[in-house]
Amino acid sequence: MTVRSVGFALAAVLATGSGCGYHFAGMESRLPAEVRTVALGPIANDTREVGLEKILIEALEDEITGRGRLDVVPAGRGDAVLSGKIRSYDTRPVSFTRRDEALQYQLSVIVDLELRKRDDGKVLWKTRGLREIEDYSAVPGVVVTQSSQFQQQTLNARDLGGFTDIQLSEGQRREANERMVEDMSREIYNQMMEDF
């Protein structure tokens, strides 16, 4: 067998395997070509975390417009509508001192979403129980100031000693909340657009 015939055989095997659904991310979309605009909301908030739905909608808008495939438009004008609800939002301690004081917490959020064509109501994509989690530190001694997460914050490592544990924990919770919602928005976009 010549090198050329081996190359053709390999190309044939690869071409046969290309129908398995694997492709480069961002190269294909499950959405119909006529869907070029999307309206966001309503997204109901069934949790006690006030304003979480607004944060999620803003993060989704940033993610969608940043990718360039779809334009976000006001309600009632999109080719498709992304709506749903935030089902749960929990904060729980996951690491403790010997005296049972919380050192680290974990946030988790669960959403149900669907993307429908505005004109006929056809469901283009949906997810149920999509979950995202994020950890954060509650006391200065366990904050990793060299981590990329800490470096992206506005908090300065020299200032950590000036905060009470409650102040630090709340600031870290807000930062973790923001990261979690951004990560979830990225995952929502990827699932909605990519056909794996």
N, C-alpha and C. Protein backbone atom coordinates (compact mmCIF):
# COMPACT_ATOMS: atom_id res chain seq x y z
N MET A 1 0.85 -1.18 0.00
CA MET A 1 0.00 0.00 0.00
C MET A 1 0.89 1.24 0.00
N THR A 2 0.60 2.18 -0.86
CA THR A 2 1.41 3.39 -0.95
C THR A 2 0.99 4.39 0.10
N VAL A 3 1.83 5.39 0.29
CA VAL A 3 1.54 6.46 1.24
C VAL A 3 0.26 7.18 0.82
N ARG A 4 0.08 7.37 -0.47
CA ARG A 4 -1.10 8.06 -0.98
C ARG A 4 -2.37 7.26 -0.68
N SER A 5 -2.34 5.95 -0.89
CA SER A 5 -3.54 5.14 -0.63
C SER A 5 -3.84 5.07 0.87
N VAL A 6 -2.80 5.08 1.71
CA VAL A 6 -3.02 5.13 3.16
C VAL A 6 -3.68 6.45 3.53
N GLY A 7 -3.24 7.54 2.91
CA GLY A 7 -3.83 8.85 3.16
C GLY A 7 -5.30 8.88 2.76
N PHE A 8 -5.63 8.29 1.59
CA PHE A 8 -7.03 8.24 1.17
C PHE A 8 -7.86 7.39 2.12
N ALA A 9 -7.31 6.27 2.58
CA ALA A 9 -8.04 5.41 3.52
C ALA A 9 -8.29 6.14 4.83
N LEU A 10 -7.29 6.85 5.31
CA LEU A 10 -7.44 7.62 6.55
C LEU A 10 -8.48 8.72 6.37
N ALA A 11 -8.47 9.40 5.24
CA ALA A 11 -9.45 10.44 4.96
C ALA A 11 -10.86 9.86 4.91
N ALA A 12 -11.00 8.66 4.35
CA ALA A 12 -12.31 8.01 4.28
C ALA A 12 -12.82 7.66 5.67
N VAL A 13 -11.93 7.17 6.52
CA VAL A 13 -12.32 6.84 7.91
C VAL A 13 -12.74 8.10 8.64
N LEU A 14 -11.98 9.17 8.48
CA LEU A 14 -12.32 10.42 9.14
C LEU A 14 -13.63 10.99 8.62
N ALA A 15 -13.86 10.89 7.34
CA ALA A 15 -15.10 11.39 6.77
C ALA A 15 -16.29 10.58 7.27
N THR A 16 -16.11 9.29 7.43
CA THR A 16 -17.18 8.45 7.95
C THR A 16 -17.49 8.82 9.39
N GLY A 17 -16.46 9.11 10.17
CA GLY A 17 -16.65 9.47 11.57
C GLY A 17 -17.16 10.87 11.77
N SER A 18 -17.14 11.70 10.75
CA SER A 18 -17.55 13.09 10.93
C SER A 18 -19.04 13.25 11.14
N GLY A 19 -19.81 12.23 10.87
CA GLY A 19 -21.25 12.30 11.09
C GLY A 19 -21.65 12.01 12.52
N CYS A 20 -20.70 11.85 13.42
CA CYS A 20 -21.01 11.47 14.80
C CYS A 20 -21.45 12.64 15.65
N GLY A 21 -21.43 13.85 15.13
CA GLY A 21 -21.91 14.98 15.90
C GLY A 21 -20.81 15.84 16.49
N TYR A 22 -19.58 15.42 16.40
CA TYR A 22 -18.48 16.22 16.92
C TYR A 22 -18.04 17.23 15.88
N HIS A 23 -17.76 18.45 16.38
CA HIS A 23 -17.30 19.52 15.50
C HIS A 23 -16.60 20.56 16.35
N PHE A 24 -16.01 21.53 15.70
CA PHE A 24 -15.35 22.60 16.43
C PHE A 24 -16.41 23.52 17.03
N ALA A 25 -16.22 23.89 18.30
CA ALA A 25 -17.17 24.77 18.97
C ALA A 25 -17.29 26.08 18.21
N GLY A 26 -18.51 26.57 18.10
CA GLY A 26 -18.76 27.85 17.43
C GLY A 26 -18.92 27.73 15.93
N MET A 27 -18.71 26.54 15.38
CA MET A 27 -18.78 26.39 13.93
C MET A 27 -20.20 26.09 13.45
N GLU A 28 -21.02 25.49 14.30
CA GLU A 28 -22.37 25.15 13.91
C GLU A 28 -23.34 25.68 14.95
N SER A 29 -24.59 25.78 14.56
CA SER A 29 -25.62 26.24 15.48
C SER A 29 -26.86 25.38 15.29
N ARG A 30 -27.53 25.09 16.39
CA ARG A 30 -28.76 24.32 16.28
C ARG A 30 -29.94 25.22 15.93
N LEU A 31 -29.75 26.52 15.99
CA LEU A 31 -30.84 27.45 15.71
C LEU A 31 -31.06 27.58 14.20
N PRO A 32 -32.31 27.74 13.81
CA PRO A 32 -32.58 27.98 12.38
C PRO A 32 -31.92 29.28 11.93
N ALA A 33 -31.54 29.33 10.68
CA ALA A 33 -30.84 30.50 10.14
C ALA A 33 -31.66 31.78 10.26
N GLU A 34 -32.99 31.65 10.23
CA GLU A 34 -33.82 32.86 10.30
C GLU A 34 -33.88 33.47 11.70
N VAL A 35 -33.37 32.77 12.70
CA VAL A 35 -33.34 33.31 14.06
C VAL A 35 -32.05 34.11 14.21
N ARG A 36 -32.19 35.43 14.15
CA ARG A 36 -31.04 36.31 14.25
C ARG A 36 -31.11 37.25 15.45
N THR A 37 -32.31 37.35 16.06
CA THR A 37 -32.47 38.22 17.22
C THR A 37 -33.17 37.45 18.34
N VAL A 38 -32.87 37.82 19.57
CA VAL A 38 -33.49 37.16 20.72
C VAL A 38 -33.87 38.22 21.75
N ALA A 39 -35.05 38.04 22.34
CA ALA A 39 -35.48 38.86 23.46
C ALA A 39 -35.29 38.04 24.73
N LEU A 40 -34.85 38.69 25.79
CA LEU A 40 -34.58 38.00 27.05
C LEU A 40 -35.68 38.27 28.06
N GLY A 41 -36.21 37.20 28.63
CA GLY A 41 -37.19 37.33 29.70
C GLY A 41 -38.59 37.08 29.21
N PRO A 42 -39.49 36.93 30.13
CA PRO A 42 -39.25 37.08 31.55
C PRO A 42 -38.55 35.86 32.14
N ILE A 43 -37.73 36.13 33.16
CA ILE A 43 -37.13 35.08 33.96
C ILE A 43 -37.63 35.28 35.38
N ALA A 44 -38.45 34.35 35.84
CA ALA A 44 -39.00 34.43 37.19
C ALA A 44 -37.93 34.06 38.21
N ASN A 45 -38.03 34.65 39.37
CA ASN A 45 -37.08 34.36 40.46
C ASN A 45 -37.86 33.73 41.60
N ASP A 46 -37.78 32.41 41.73
CA ASP A 46 -38.48 31.68 42.79
C ASP A 46 -37.61 31.54 44.04
N THR A 47 -36.61 32.41 44.19
CA THR A 47 -35.70 32.33 45.33
C THR A 47 -35.84 33.58 46.19
N ARG A 48 -35.13 33.58 47.31
CA ARG A 48 -35.13 34.74 48.20
C ARG A 48 -34.01 35.73 47.85
N GLU A 49 -33.22 35.42 46.85
CA GLU A 49 -32.12 36.30 46.44
C GLU A 49 -32.67 37.39 45.53
N VAL A 50 -32.95 38.52 46.10
CA VAL A 50 -33.59 39.63 45.38
C VAL A 50 -32.70 40.13 44.25
N GLY A 51 -33.28 40.27 43.06
CA GLY A 51 -32.57 40.82 41.92
C GLY A 51 -31.73 39.83 41.14
N LEU A 52 -31.72 38.56 41.54
CA LEU A 52 -30.90 37.56 40.86
C LEU A 52 -31.30 37.42 39.40
N GLU A 53 -32.59 37.53 39.11
CA GLU A 53 -33.05 37.41 37.72
C GLU A 53 -32.51 38.54 36.86
N LYS A 54 -32.37 39.73 37.42
CA LYS A 54 -31.81 40.86 36.66
C LYS A 54 -30.34 40.64 36.37
N ILE A 55 -29.62 40.13 37.37
CA ILE A 55 -28.20 39.83 37.18
C ILE A 55 -28.02 38.78 36.09
N LEU A 56 -28.88 37.75 36.11
CA LEU A 56 -28.80 36.69 35.09
C LEU A 56 -29.11 37.24 33.71
N ILE A 57 -30.13 38.07 33.59
CA ILE A 57 -30.49 38.64 32.28
C ILE A 57 -29.36 39.51 31.75
N GLU A 58 -28.75 40.32 32.61
CA GLU A 58 -27.62 41.16 32.18
C GLU A 58 -26.44 40.30 31.72
N ALA A 59 -26.14 39.23 32.47
CA ALA A 59 -25.03 38.35 32.09
C ALA A 59 -25.33 37.64 30.77
N LEU A 60 -26.57 37.21 30.59
CA LEU A 60 -26.95 36.57 29.32
C LEU A 60 -26.84 37.55 28.15
N GLU A 61 -27.27 38.77 28.38
CA GLU A 61 -27.16 39.79 27.32
C GLU A 61 -25.70 40.01 26.94
N ASP A 62 -24.83 40.13 27.94
CA ASP A 62 -23.40 40.31 27.67
C ASP A 62 -22.83 39.12 26.90
N GLU A 63 -23.19 37.92 27.33
CA GLU A 63 -22.67 36.70 26.68
C GLU A 63 -23.15 36.60 25.23
N ILE A 64 -24.43 36.82 25.02
CA ILE A 64 -25.01 36.67 23.67
C ILE A 64 -24.47 37.73 22.73
N THR A 65 -24.47 38.99 23.16
CA THR A 65 -23.97 40.04 22.27
C THR A 65 -22.47 39.92 22.05
N GLY A 66 -21.74 39.43 23.04
CA GLY A 66 -20.30 39.26 22.91
C GLY A 66 -19.92 38.19 21.91
N ARG A 67 -20.78 37.23 21.68
CA ARG A 67 -20.48 36.14 20.74
C ARG A 67 -20.78 36.53 19.30
N GLY A 68 -21.70 37.47 19.08
CA GLY A 68 -21.93 38.00 17.74
C GLY A 68 -22.88 37.24 16.85
N ARG A 69 -23.33 36.05 17.21
CA ARG A 69 -24.24 35.29 16.35
C ARG A 69 -25.66 35.85 16.40
N LEU A 70 -26.09 36.30 17.59
CA LEU A 70 -27.44 36.83 17.78
C LEU A 70 -27.38 38.26 18.31
N ASP A 71 -28.41 39.03 17.99
CA ASP A 71 -28.56 40.35 18.58
C ASP A 71 -29.66 40.27 19.64
N VAL A 72 -29.44 40.94 20.76
CA VAL A 72 -30.45 41.00 21.81
C VAL A 72 -31.31 42.23 21.55
N VAL A 73 -32.63 42.02 21.53
CA VAL A 73 -33.58 43.09 21.25
C VAL A 73 -34.61 43.16 22.38
N PRO A 74 -35.37 44.27 22.47
CA PRO A 74 -36.39 44.39 23.51
C PRO A 74 -37.49 43.33 23.36
N ALA A 75 -38.19 43.08 24.47
CA ALA A 75 -39.28 42.11 24.49
C ALA A 75 -40.29 42.42 23.39
N GLY A 76 -40.81 41.36 22.76
CA GLY A 76 -41.81 41.52 21.72
C GLY A 76 -41.25 41.74 20.33
N ARG A 77 -39.93 41.84 20.20
CA ARG A 77 -39.35 42.12 18.88
C ARG A 77 -38.37 41.06 18.40
N GLY A 78 -38.04 40.09 19.22
CA GLY A 78 -37.05 39.09 18.82
C GLY A 78 -37.63 38.00 17.94
N ASP A 79 -36.76 37.39 17.14
CA ASP A 79 -37.16 36.20 16.39
C ASP A 79 -37.45 35.06 17.36
N ALA A 80 -36.74 35.09 18.50
CA ALA A 80 -36.91 34.07 19.54
C ALA A 80 -36.92 34.75 20.90
N VAL A 81 -37.49 34.04 21.88
CA VAL A 81 -37.57 34.56 23.25
C VAL A 81 -36.97 33.53 24.20
N LEU A 82 -36.01 33.97 25.02
CA LEU A 82 -35.41 33.12 26.04
C LEU A 82 -36.04 33.48 27.37
N SER A 83 -36.74 32.52 27.98
CA SER A 83 -37.44 32.78 29.24
C SER A 83 -37.32 31.56 30.14
N GLY A 84 -37.79 31.72 31.38
CA GLY A 84 -37.76 30.60 32.31
C GLY A 84 -37.81 31.07 33.73
N LYS A 85 -37.16 30.31 34.61
CA LYS A 85 -37.16 30.69 36.02
C LYS A 85 -35.91 30.21 36.72
N ILE A 86 -35.56 30.95 37.76
CA ILE A 86 -34.49 30.53 38.67
C ILE A 86 -35.18 29.73 39.76
N ARG A 87 -34.92 28.45 39.78
CA ARG A 87 -35.63 27.54 40.68
C ARG A 87 -35.09 27.55 42.10
N SER A 88 -33.79 27.61 42.23
CA SER A 88 -33.22 27.63 43.58
C SER A 88 -31.89 28.37 43.60
N TYR A 89 -31.60 28.89 44.78
CA TYR A 89 -30.34 29.59 45.03
C TYR A 89 -29.99 29.29 46.49
N ASP A 90 -28.86 28.62 46.70
CA ASP A 90 -28.50 28.21 48.06
C ASP A 90 -27.07 28.59 48.38
N THR A 91 -26.87 28.92 49.64
CA THR A 91 -25.53 29.14 50.19
C THR A 91 -25.37 28.18 51.36
N ARG A 92 -24.29 27.40 51.33
CA ARG A 92 -24.08 26.48 52.45
C ARG A 92 -22.60 26.41 52.79
N PRO A 93 -22.29 26.28 54.08
CA PRO A 93 -20.89 26.15 54.48
C PRO A 93 -20.35 24.78 54.07
N VAL A 94 -19.10 24.78 53.60
CA VAL A 94 -18.49 23.51 53.17
C VAL A 94 -17.16 23.21 53.85
N SER A 95 -16.64 24.19 54.60
CA SER A 95 -15.37 23.98 55.30
C SER A 95 -15.45 24.70 56.64
N PHE A 96 -14.93 24.03 57.69
CA PHE A 96 -15.08 24.54 59.05
C PHE A 96 -13.77 24.50 59.83
N THR A 97 -13.70 25.36 60.87
CA THR A 97 -12.58 25.30 61.81
C THR A 97 -12.87 24.18 62.80
N ARG A 98 -11.93 23.95 63.70
CA ARG A 98 -12.13 22.94 64.76
C ARG A 98 -13.28 23.33 65.69
N ARG A 99 -13.59 24.62 65.73
CA ARG A 99 -14.68 25.09 66.59
C ARG A 99 -15.99 25.23 65.81
N ASP A 100 -16.07 24.58 64.67
CA ASP A 100 -17.27 24.59 63.82
C ASP A 100 -17.65 25.96 63.28
N GLU A 101 -16.69 26.83 63.06
CA GLU A 101 -16.92 28.12 62.41
C GLU A 101 -16.68 27.94 60.92
N ALA A 102 -17.55 28.51 60.12
CA ALA A 102 -17.44 28.35 58.66
C ALA A 102 -16.21 29.08 58.12
N LEU A 103 -15.43 28.39 57.32
CA LEU A 103 -14.28 28.97 56.63
C LEU A 103 -14.60 29.27 55.17
N GLN A 104 -15.38 28.38 54.58
CA GLN A 104 -15.68 28.50 53.16
C GLN A 104 -17.13 28.10 52.91
N TYR A 105 -17.73 28.80 51.94
CA TYR A 105 -19.12 28.53 51.56
C TYR A 105 -19.19 28.14 50.10
N GLN A 106 -20.32 27.54 49.75
CA GLN A 106 -20.58 27.20 48.35
C GLN A 106 -21.95 27.76 47.96
N LEU A 107 -21.96 28.47 46.85
CA LEU A 107 -23.20 28.96 46.25
C LEU A 107 -23.64 27.97 45.19
N SER A 108 -24.94 27.81 45.04
CA SER A 108 -25.43 27.02 43.91
C SER A 108 -26.73 27.65 43.42
N VAL A 109 -26.91 27.60 42.12
CA VAL A 109 -28.13 28.13 41.50
C VAL A 109 -28.61 27.09 40.48
N ILE A 110 -29.93 26.94 40.40
CA ILE A 110 -30.54 26.01 39.45
C ILE A 110 -31.59 26.77 38.65
N VAL A 111 -31.54 26.62 37.32
CA VAL A 111 -32.48 27.31 36.45
C VAL A 111 -33.16 26.34 35.49
N ASP A 112 -34.36 26.74 35.07
CA ASP A 112 -35.08 26.09 33.97
C ASP A 112 -35.29 27.17 32.92
N LEU A 113 -34.87 26.91 31.69
CA LEU A 113 -34.99 27.90 30.62
C LEU A 113 -35.46 27.25 29.33
N GLU A 114 -36.06 28.08 28.47
CA GLU A 114 -36.40 27.60 27.14
C GLU A 114 -36.32 28.76 26.15
N LEU A 115 -35.96 28.40 24.94
CA LEU A 115 -35.89 29.35 23.83
C LEU A 115 -36.98 28.97 22.85
N ARG A 116 -37.90 29.91 22.60
CA ARG A 116 -39.02 29.65 21.69
C ARG A 116 -39.01 30.66 20.55
N LYS A 117 -39.46 30.20 19.38
CA LYS A 117 -39.68 31.14 18.28
C LYS A 117 -40.85 32.02 18.66
N ARG A 118 -40.72 33.30 18.43
CA ARG A 118 -41.77 34.24 18.82
C ARG A 118 -43.03 34.09 17.97
N ASP A 119 -42.87 33.83 16.67
CA ASP A 119 -44.03 33.81 15.78
C ASP A 119 -44.95 32.60 15.98
N ASP A 120 -44.38 31.40 16.17
CA ASP A 120 -45.23 30.21 16.29
C ASP A 120 -45.11 29.49 17.64
N GLY A 121 -44.24 29.98 18.53
CA GLY A 121 -44.10 29.36 19.85
C GLY A 121 -43.34 28.05 19.87
N LYS A 122 -42.76 27.64 18.76
CA LYS A 122 -42.01 26.38 18.70
C LYS A 122 -40.80 26.45 19.62
N VAL A 123 -40.61 25.39 20.42
CA VAL A 123 -39.47 25.32 21.32
C VAL A 123 -38.23 24.94 20.51
N LEU A 124 -37.22 25.82 20.56
CA LEU A 124 -35.97 25.58 19.84
C LEU A 124 -34.93 24.91 20.73
N TRP A 125 -35.01 25.20 22.03
CA TRP A 125 -34.06 24.64 23.00
C TRP A 125 -34.64 24.79 24.39
N LYS A 126 -34.35 23.84 25.26
CA LYS A 126 -34.74 24.00 26.65
C LYS A 126 -33.82 23.21 27.55
N THR A 127 -33.75 23.65 28.78
CA THR A 127 -32.98 22.95 29.80
C THR A 127 -33.77 22.97 31.09
N ARG A 128 -33.69 21.90 31.84
CA ARG A 128 -34.34 21.79 33.13
C ARG A 128 -33.28 21.40 34.15
N GLY A 129 -33.24 22.14 35.24
CA GLY A 129 -32.31 21.80 36.32
C GLY A 129 -30.86 22.09 36.02
N LEU A 130 -30.58 23.08 35.18
CA LEU A 130 -29.19 23.46 34.91
C LEU A 130 -28.61 24.07 36.18
N ARG A 131 -27.51 23.52 36.65
CA ARG A 131 -26.94 23.91 37.94
C ARG A 131 -25.53 24.45 37.76
N GLU A 132 -25.23 25.48 38.52
CA GLU A 132 -23.88 26.05 38.56
C GLU A 132 -23.52 26.26 40.02
N ILE A 133 -22.25 26.03 40.36
CA ILE A 133 -21.79 26.22 41.74
C ILE A 133 -20.53 27.07 41.76
N GLU A 134 -20.29 27.71 42.90
CA GLU A 134 -19.09 28.54 43.08
C GLU A 134 -18.78 28.59 44.57
N ASP A 135 -17.50 28.45 44.91
CA ASP A 135 -17.06 28.53 46.30
C ASP A 135 -16.49 29.91 46.61
N TYR A 136 -16.57 30.29 47.89
CA TYR A 136 -15.94 31.54 48.32
C TYR A 136 -15.52 31.43 49.78
N SER A 137 -14.52 32.22 50.14
CA SER A 137 -13.96 32.19 51.50
C SER A 137 -14.72 33.13 52.41
N ALA A 138 -14.77 32.74 53.69
CA ALA A 138 -15.54 33.52 54.66
C ALA A 138 -14.65 34.30 55.62
N VAL A 139 -13.38 33.94 55.73
CA VAL A 139 -12.47 34.62 56.66
C VAL A 139 -11.16 34.92 55.95
N PRO A 140 -10.45 35.99 56.38
CA PRO A 140 -9.22 36.39 55.69
C PRO A 140 -8.16 35.30 55.59
N GLY A 141 -8.05 34.45 56.58
CA GLY A 141 -7.00 33.44 56.59
C GLY A 141 -7.10 32.40 55.49
N VAL A 142 -8.27 32.25 54.87
CA VAL A 142 -8.42 31.24 53.82
C VAL A 142 -8.61 31.85 52.43
N VAL A 143 -8.53 33.16 52.33
CA VAL A 143 -8.61 33.81 51.02
C VAL A 143 -7.27 33.65 50.32
N VAL A 144 -7.28 33.08 49.14
CA VAL A 144 -6.06 32.88 48.36
C VAL A 144 -5.86 34.11 47.49
N THR A 145 -5.03 35.03 47.97
CA THR A 145 -4.87 36.31 47.28
C THR A 145 -4.12 36.20 45.96
N GLN A 146 -3.43 35.09 45.74
CA GLN A 146 -2.71 34.89 44.48
C GLN A 146 -3.56 34.22 43.41
N SER A 147 -4.79 33.82 43.77
CA SER A 147 -5.65 33.13 42.80
C SER A 147 -6.12 34.12 41.72
N SER A 148 -6.43 33.58 40.56
CA SER A 148 -6.91 34.44 39.47
C SER A 148 -8.26 35.06 39.84
N GLN A 149 -9.07 34.33 40.60
CA GLN A 149 -10.36 34.87 41.02
C GLN A 149 -10.16 36.10 41.89
N PHE A 150 -9.25 36.03 42.86
CA PHE A 150 -9.02 37.17 43.75
C PHE A 150 -8.40 38.32 42.97
N GLN A 151 -7.49 38.03 42.05
CA GLN A 151 -6.82 39.07 41.28
C GLN A 151 -7.79 39.86 40.42
N GLN A 152 -8.91 39.27 40.02
CA GLN A 152 -9.89 39.95 39.19
C GLN A 152 -10.81 40.85 40.01
N GLN A 153 -10.78 40.73 41.32
CA GLN A 153 -11.65 41.53 42.18
C GLN A 153 -11.07 42.92 42.40
N THR A 154 -11.89 43.78 42.96
CA THR A 154 -11.44 45.14 43.29
C THR A 154 -10.82 45.18 44.68
N LEU A 155 -10.90 44.10 45.42
CA LEU A 155 -10.36 44.03 46.77
C LEU A 155 -8.84 43.91 46.73
N ASN A 156 -8.17 44.64 47.63
CA ASN A 156 -6.72 44.62 47.71
C ASN A 156 -6.29 43.69 48.84
N ALA A 157 -5.29 42.87 48.61
CA ALA A 157 -4.83 41.91 49.62
C ALA A 157 -4.39 42.60 50.90
N ARG A 158 -3.81 43.80 50.82
CA ARG A 158 -3.36 44.52 52.01
C ARG A 158 -4.52 44.95 52.90
N ASP A 159 -5.70 45.08 52.30
CA ASP A 159 -6.87 45.56 53.05
C ASP A 159 -7.64 44.46 53.76
N LEU A 160 -7.30 43.19 53.53
CA LEU A 160 -8.07 42.10 54.11
C LEU A 160 -8.16 42.17 55.63
N GLY A 161 -7.08 42.56 56.28
CA GLY A 161 -7.08 42.62 57.75
C GLY A 161 -8.02 43.67 58.31
N GLY A 162 -8.42 44.65 57.53
CA GLY A 162 -9.30 45.70 58.00
C GLY A 162 -10.78 45.36 57.96
N PHE A 163 -11.11 44.22 57.39
CA PHE A 163 -12.51 43.81 57.29
C PHE A 163 -12.89 42.87 58.42
N THR A 164 -14.13 42.97 58.89
CA THR A 164 -14.64 41.94 59.79
C THR A 164 -14.92 40.71 58.95
N ASP A 165 -15.06 39.57 59.61
CA ASP A 165 -15.36 38.34 58.88
C ASP A 165 -16.67 38.47 58.10
N ILE A 166 -17.65 39.15 58.68
CA ILE A 166 -18.94 39.31 58.02
C ILE A 166 -18.80 40.18 56.77
N GLN A 167 -18.05 41.28 56.88
CA GLN A 167 -17.85 42.15 55.72
C GLN A 167 -17.12 41.41 54.60
N LEU A 168 -16.06 40.72 54.97
CA LEU A 168 -15.29 39.97 53.97
C LEU A 168 -16.14 38.89 53.33
N SER A 169 -16.87 38.14 54.15
CA SER A 169 -17.70 37.05 53.65
C SER A 169 -18.75 37.58 52.66
N GLU A 170 -19.38 38.69 53.00
CA GLU A 170 -20.41 39.25 52.12
C GLU A 170 -19.79 39.74 50.81
N GLY A 171 -18.64 40.39 50.89
CA GLY A 171 -17.96 40.83 49.67
C GLY A 171 -17.55 39.66 48.80
N GLN A 172 -17.03 38.62 49.42
CA GLN A 172 -16.63 37.42 48.68
C GLN A 172 -17.85 36.72 48.07
N ARG A 173 -18.98 36.74 48.81
CA ARG A 173 -20.20 36.13 48.30
C ARG A 173 -20.69 36.87 47.05
N ARG A 174 -20.66 38.18 47.07
CA ARG A 174 -21.09 38.96 45.90
C ARG A 174 -20.20 38.66 44.69
N GLU A 175 -18.88 38.62 44.93
CA GLU A 175 -17.95 38.32 43.83
C GLU A 175 -18.19 36.90 43.28
N ALA A 176 -18.39 35.94 44.18
CA ALA A 176 -18.65 34.56 43.76
C ALA A 176 -19.97 34.46 43.00
N ASN A 177 -20.96 35.22 43.47
CA ASN A 177 -22.26 35.24 42.80
C ASN A 177 -22.11 35.73 41.36
N GLU A 178 -21.34 36.77 41.19
CA GLU A 178 -21.11 37.32 39.85
C GLU A 178 -20.41 36.30 38.95
N ARG A 179 -19.37 35.65 39.47
CA ARG A 179 -18.66 34.62 38.68
C ARG A 179 -19.59 33.48 38.32
N MET A 180 -20.40 33.05 39.28
CA MET A 180 -21.30 31.93 39.05
C MET A 180 -22.31 32.24 37.95
N VAL A 181 -22.89 33.44 37.99
CA VAL A 181 -23.89 33.82 36.99
C VAL A 181 -23.23 33.97 35.62
N GLU A 182 -22.02 34.51 35.57
CA GLU A 182 -21.30 34.61 34.29
C GLU A 182 -21.00 33.23 33.72
N ASP A 183 -20.55 32.30 34.57
CA ASP A 183 -20.27 30.95 34.11
C ASP A 183 -21.54 30.27 33.61
N MET A 184 -22.64 30.48 34.34
CA MET A 184 -23.91 29.89 33.93
C MET A 184 -24.36 30.47 32.59
N SER A 185 -24.21 31.76 32.39
CA SER A 185 -24.59 32.39 31.12
C SER A 185 -23.80 31.81 29.96
N ARG A 186 -22.52 31.58 30.19
CA ARG A 186 -21.68 30.98 29.16
C ARG A 186 -22.17 29.56 28.84
N GLU A 187 -22.49 28.80 29.87
CA GLU A 187 -22.99 27.43 29.67
C GLU A 187 -24.34 27.44 28.96
N ILE A 188 -25.21 28.35 29.32
CA ILE A 188 -26.52 28.46 28.65
C ILE A 188 -26.32 28.75 27.17
N TYR A 189 -25.46 29.72 26.87
CA TYR A 189 -25.21 30.07 25.46
C TYR A 189 -24.67 28.86 24.70
N ASN A 190 -23.67 28.20 25.29
CA ASN A 190 -23.07 27.05 24.61
C ASN A 190 -24.08 25.95 24.36
N GLN A 191 -24.89 25.63 25.35
CA GLN A 191 -25.89 24.58 25.17
C GLN A 191 -26.93 24.99 24.13
N MET A 192 -27.33 26.24 24.17
CA MET A 192 -28.36 26.73 23.27
C MET A 192 -27.89 26.74 21.82
N MET A 193 -26.62 27.07 21.61
CA MET A 193 -26.12 27.26 20.27
C MET A 193 -25.40 26.05 19.67
N GLU A 194 -24.74 25.27 20.50
CA GLU A 194 -23.93 24.17 19.99
C GLU A 194 -24.74 22.89 19.93
N ASP A 195 -24.58 22.15 18.88
CA ASP A 195 -25.36 20.93 18.68
C ASP A 195 -24.50 19.69 18.91
N PHE A 196 -24.10 19.45 20.16
CA PHE A 196 -23.29 18.26 20.47
C PHE A 196 -24.21 17.10 20.78
